[in-house]
Amino acid sequence: YETTYSRLPLLPNITSGANDVTFGLSQAEIAPLNTTGATNAYSSPVANGNSNLVAVLMDEVKFKNGNDTANINHVLNPQRTAVLSPKITSDTSGPGVGPDGEYRDPWGKSYIISLDYSLNDRCRDVVYSRQAVTAPGGGTSGANGFNNPDVATTANAFEFNGKFLIWSKGPDGKHANGSPYDKGDNRDNVLGWTQ
């Protein structure tokens, strides 16, 4: 998609040039992140689910359940180029893209996808930007290539050098906003940037 359009997919009502965006969390998972509107206390907007992002990448204008996607009339993919061809499933609890357009991991939970909407070639994920998760011992360098040179000013702004991050909650289907990346509910998360 970026090669075709020279930008990442920009969904309606989300501004580029401001903050990175994390897709794939449910409303119940977003609430504990101290959200106000679409932006949480750590300056990363979060989107309920990943379905509209996936619809743009698949060039879908309607979900299989008949509802419109954000890509109505191919407005977000005018060249009609499908750059994602995942497994399609008929239920909303199995792996693949369900009739609701949500892209789920092998354990039936939504993939979490963060994109560099700040346009700085670094990506901040709403969970892995947190110091407690990525750098529980303190310092400017976090696990798995994350860093935050200004940690004294903004502790929860760890970023990865890249334009996107994709991860799964793993077999237990859980994550923890305040636990280290390698412990508790985060221990079995499948992180695309470490593979």
Protein backbone atom coordinates (compact mmCIF):
# COMPACT_ATOMS: atom_id res chain seq x y z
CA TYR A 1 0.00 0.00 0.00
CA GLU A 2 2.77 2.42 0.91
CA THR A 3 4.59 1.65 -2.35
CA THR A 4 1.43 2.32 -4.37
CA TYR A 5 0.32 5.52 -2.62
CA SER A 6 3.55 6.83 -1.02
CA ARG A 7 1.85 6.85 2.39
CA LEU A 8 0.34 4.54 4.96
CA PRO A 9 -3.43 3.95 4.83
CA LEU A 10 -5.10 6.98 6.43
CA LEU A 11 -8.54 6.28 7.83
CA PRO A 12 -11.23 8.95 8.18
CA ASN A 13 -11.19 11.05 11.36
CA ILE A 14 -7.57 10.16 12.14
CA THR A 15 -5.04 12.88 11.35
CA SER A 16 -1.57 12.13 10.05
CA GLY A 17 1.36 14.19 11.24
CA ALA A 18 0.17 14.10 14.85
CA ASN A 19 0.35 10.80 16.76
CA ASP A 20 0.84 7.18 15.82
CA VAL A 21 -2.29 5.00 15.92
CA THR A 22 -2.92 1.55 17.40
CA PHE A 23 -5.68 -0.58 15.85
CA GLY A 24 -7.13 -3.84 17.14
CA LEU A 25 -8.05 -3.24 20.76
CA SER A 26 -11.62 -3.66 21.97
CA GLN A 27 -13.54 -0.93 23.81
CA ALA A 28 -13.00 -2.86 27.06
CA GLU A 29 -9.23 -2.86 26.46
CA ILE A 30 -9.15 0.81 25.46
CA ALA A 31 -10.93 2.05 28.61
CA PRO A 32 -8.10 1.26 31.07
CA LEU A 33 -5.67 3.22 28.90
CA ASN A 34 -7.18 6.47 30.26
CA THR A 35 -8.69 7.43 26.93
CA THR A 36 -10.30 10.74 26.22
CA GLY A 37 -12.04 10.48 22.88
CA ALA A 38 -9.62 8.64 20.60
CA THR A 39 -6.40 9.66 22.36
CA ASN A 40 -5.07 8.11 25.53
CA ALA A 41 -2.86 9.64 28.18
CA TYR A 42 0.24 8.39 26.36
CA SER A 43 -0.44 10.34 23.14
CA SER A 44 -1.22 7.34 20.95
CA PRO A 45 -4.72 7.27 19.46
CA VAL A 46 -6.38 3.89 19.62
CA ALA A 47 -9.00 2.45 17.29
CA ASN A 48 -11.61 -0.10 18.27
CA GLY A 49 -10.67 -3.13 16.17
CA ASN A 50 -8.59 -3.46 13.00
CA SER A 51 -11.41 -4.13 10.52
CA ASN A 52 -11.40 -0.82 8.63
CA LEU A 53 -7.63 -0.84 8.22
CA VAL A 54 -7.78 -4.42 6.95
CA ALA A 55 -10.65 -3.50 4.57
CA VAL A 56 -8.49 -0.82 2.97
CA LEU A 57 -5.56 -3.24 2.55
CA MET A 58 -7.88 -5.87 1.06
CA ASP A 59 -9.74 -3.22 -1.02
CA GLU A 60 -13.10 -4.23 0.45
CA VAL A 61 -16.00 -1.77 0.30
CA LYS A 62 -18.37 -3.94 2.34
CA PHE A 63 -17.69 -6.40 5.12
CA LYS A 64 -19.03 -9.93 4.57
CA ASN A 65 -21.81 -9.11 7.07
CA GLY A 66 -23.05 -6.42 4.63
CA ASN A 67 -21.90 -3.36 6.58
CA ASP A 68 -19.96 -0.60 4.81
CA THR A 69 -16.21 -0.30 5.38
CA ALA A 70 -14.23 2.94 5.57
CA ASN A 71 -13.25 2.21 1.95
CA ILE A 72 -16.68 3.05 0.50
CA ASN A 73 -16.43 3.45 -3.31
CA HIS A 74 -12.72 2.54 -3.00
CA VAL A 75 -12.05 6.06 -1.67
CA LEU A 76 -9.06 4.91 0.41
CA ASN A 77 -7.74 2.53 -2.24
CA PRO A 78 -8.67 4.19 -5.58
CA GLN A 79 -6.37 1.93 -7.60
CA ARG A 80 -8.26 -1.03 -6.14
CA THR A 81 -5.06 -2.81 -5.23
CA ALA A 82 -5.50 -5.61 -2.69
CA VAL A 83 -2.20 -5.86 -0.83
CA LEU A 84 -3.43 -8.25 1.85
CA SER A 85 -4.93 -11.68 1.11
CA PRO A 86 -5.62 -13.35 4.46
CA LYS A 87 -7.70 -16.43 5.13
CA ILE A 88 -11.42 -15.61 5.13
CA THR A 89 -13.56 -17.29 7.80
CA SER A 90 -17.31 -17.46 8.30
CA ASP A 91 -17.26 -16.88 12.07
CA THR A 92 -16.05 -14.17 14.43
CA SER A 93 -14.00 -16.38 16.72
CA GLY A 94 -11.63 -18.19 14.39
CA PRO A 95 -8.34 -17.21 12.76
CA GLY A 96 -8.45 -15.05 9.65
CA VAL A 97 -10.79 -12.27 8.58
CA GLY A 98 -14.34 -12.81 9.83
CA PRO A 99 -17.61 -11.47 8.43
CA ASP A 100 -17.13 -8.36 10.61
CA GLY A 101 -13.83 -7.64 8.80
CA GLU A 102 -11.73 -8.16 11.93
CA TYR A 103 -8.39 -9.90 11.28
CA ARG A 104 -7.82 -12.47 14.04
CA ASP A 105 -4.75 -14.44 15.09
CA PRO A 106 -4.57 -18.28 15.34
CA TRP A 107 -6.26 -18.06 18.77
CA GLY A 108 -9.20 -15.98 17.50
CA LYS A 109 -8.16 -12.60 18.92
CA SER A 110 -7.66 -9.41 16.92
CA TYR A 111 -4.18 -8.62 15.66
CA ILE A 112 -2.90 -5.37 17.14
CA ILE A 113 -1.48 -3.06 14.46
CA SER A 114 0.24 0.27 15.12
CA LEU A 115 1.11 2.67 12.29
CA ASP A 116 3.47 5.64 12.07
CA TYR A 117 0.87 8.36 11.62
CA SER A 118 3.30 10.89 13.15
CA LEU A 119 5.39 10.52 9.96
CA ASN A 120 8.73 10.32 11.78
CA ASP A 121 9.71 6.79 10.66
CA ARG A 122 9.29 5.54 14.24
CA CYS A 123 6.26 3.73 15.60
CA ARG A 124 4.70 3.99 19.05
CA ASP A 125 2.29 1.24 20.14
CA VAL A 126 -0.22 2.10 22.85
CA VAL A 127 0.88 -0.87 25.01
CA TYR A 128 4.58 -1.28 24.14
CA SER A 129 5.25 2.47 24.41
CA ARG A 130 4.82 2.13 28.18
CA GLN A 131 7.94 2.10 30.30
CA ALA A 132 6.47 -0.55 32.63
CA VAL A 133 6.08 -2.90 29.66
CA THR A 134 9.13 -2.19 27.49
CA ALA A 135 11.76 -0.87 29.93
CA PRO A 136 10.69 -2.00 33.40
CA GLY A 137 14.23 -1.50 34.71
CA GLY A 138 14.29 2.14 33.59
CA GLY A 139 16.65 3.84 31.16
CA THR A 140 16.28 5.07 27.59
CA SER A 141 16.64 1.68 25.86
CA GLY A 142 13.79 -0.77 26.02
CA ALA A 143 13.50 -4.39 25.00
CA ASN A 144 13.41 -5.55 21.39
CA GLY A 145 14.77 -2.35 19.82
CA PHE A 146 12.50 0.22 21.49
CA ASN A 147 14.02 3.44 22.79
CA ASN A 148 12.99 6.72 24.36
CA PRO A 149 15.83 9.27 24.50
CA ASP A 150 13.60 11.71 26.41
CA VAL A 151 12.41 9.27 29.08
CA ALA A 152 12.93 11.80 31.88
CA THR A 153 10.31 14.09 30.31
CA THR A 154 7.88 11.52 28.88
CA ALA A 155 8.31 8.08 30.42
CA ASN A 156 5.66 6.30 28.32
CA ALA A 157 6.88 7.23 24.84
CA PHE A 158 9.04 4.27 23.81
CA GLU A 159 9.16 3.91 20.03
CA PHE A 160 10.38 1.36 17.52
CA ASN A 161 12.50 2.38 14.53
CA GLY A 162 10.04 1.50 11.77
CA LYS A 163 6.68 2.48 10.29
CA PHE A 164 4.49 -0.26 11.77
CA LEU A 165 4.21 -2.80 14.57
CA ILE A 166 2.03 -5.92 14.52
CA TRP A 167 1.48 -8.24 17.44
CA SER A 168 -0.83 -10.86 18.88
CA LYS A 169 -1.85 -11.53 22.49
CA GLY A 170 -0.75 -15.14 22.01
CA PRO A 171 -2.37 -18.36 23.24
CA ASP A 172 -3.78 -16.85 26.45
CA GLY A 173 -5.49 -14.01 24.52
CA LYS A 174 -4.40 -11.45 27.11
CA HIS A 175 -2.01 -8.55 27.56
CA ALA A 176 -1.22 -6.33 30.53
CA ASN A 177 -0.65 -2.58 30.25
CA GLY A 178 1.57 -2.46 33.32
CA SER A 179 3.49 -5.75 33.24
CA PRO A 180 6.95 -6.30 31.75
CA TYR A 181 7.00 -7.60 28.18
CA ASP A 182 8.38 -10.98 29.29
CA LYS A 183 6.20 -11.66 32.34
CA GLY A 184 2.59 -12.53 33.21
CA ASP A 185 -0.02 -11.93 30.52
CA ASN A 186 2.60 -10.39 28.20
CA ARG A 187 4.97 -13.34 28.28
CA ASP A 188 3.29 -15.28 25.48
CA ASN A 189 2.49 -12.30 23.23
CA VAL A 190 3.70 -12.86 19.67
CA LEU A 191 5.62 -9.75 18.60
CA GLY A 192 6.14 -9.29 14.87
CA TRP A 193 9.21 -7.10 15.38
CA THR A 194 11.15 -9.83 17.20
CA GLN A 195 10.67 -12.60 14.61
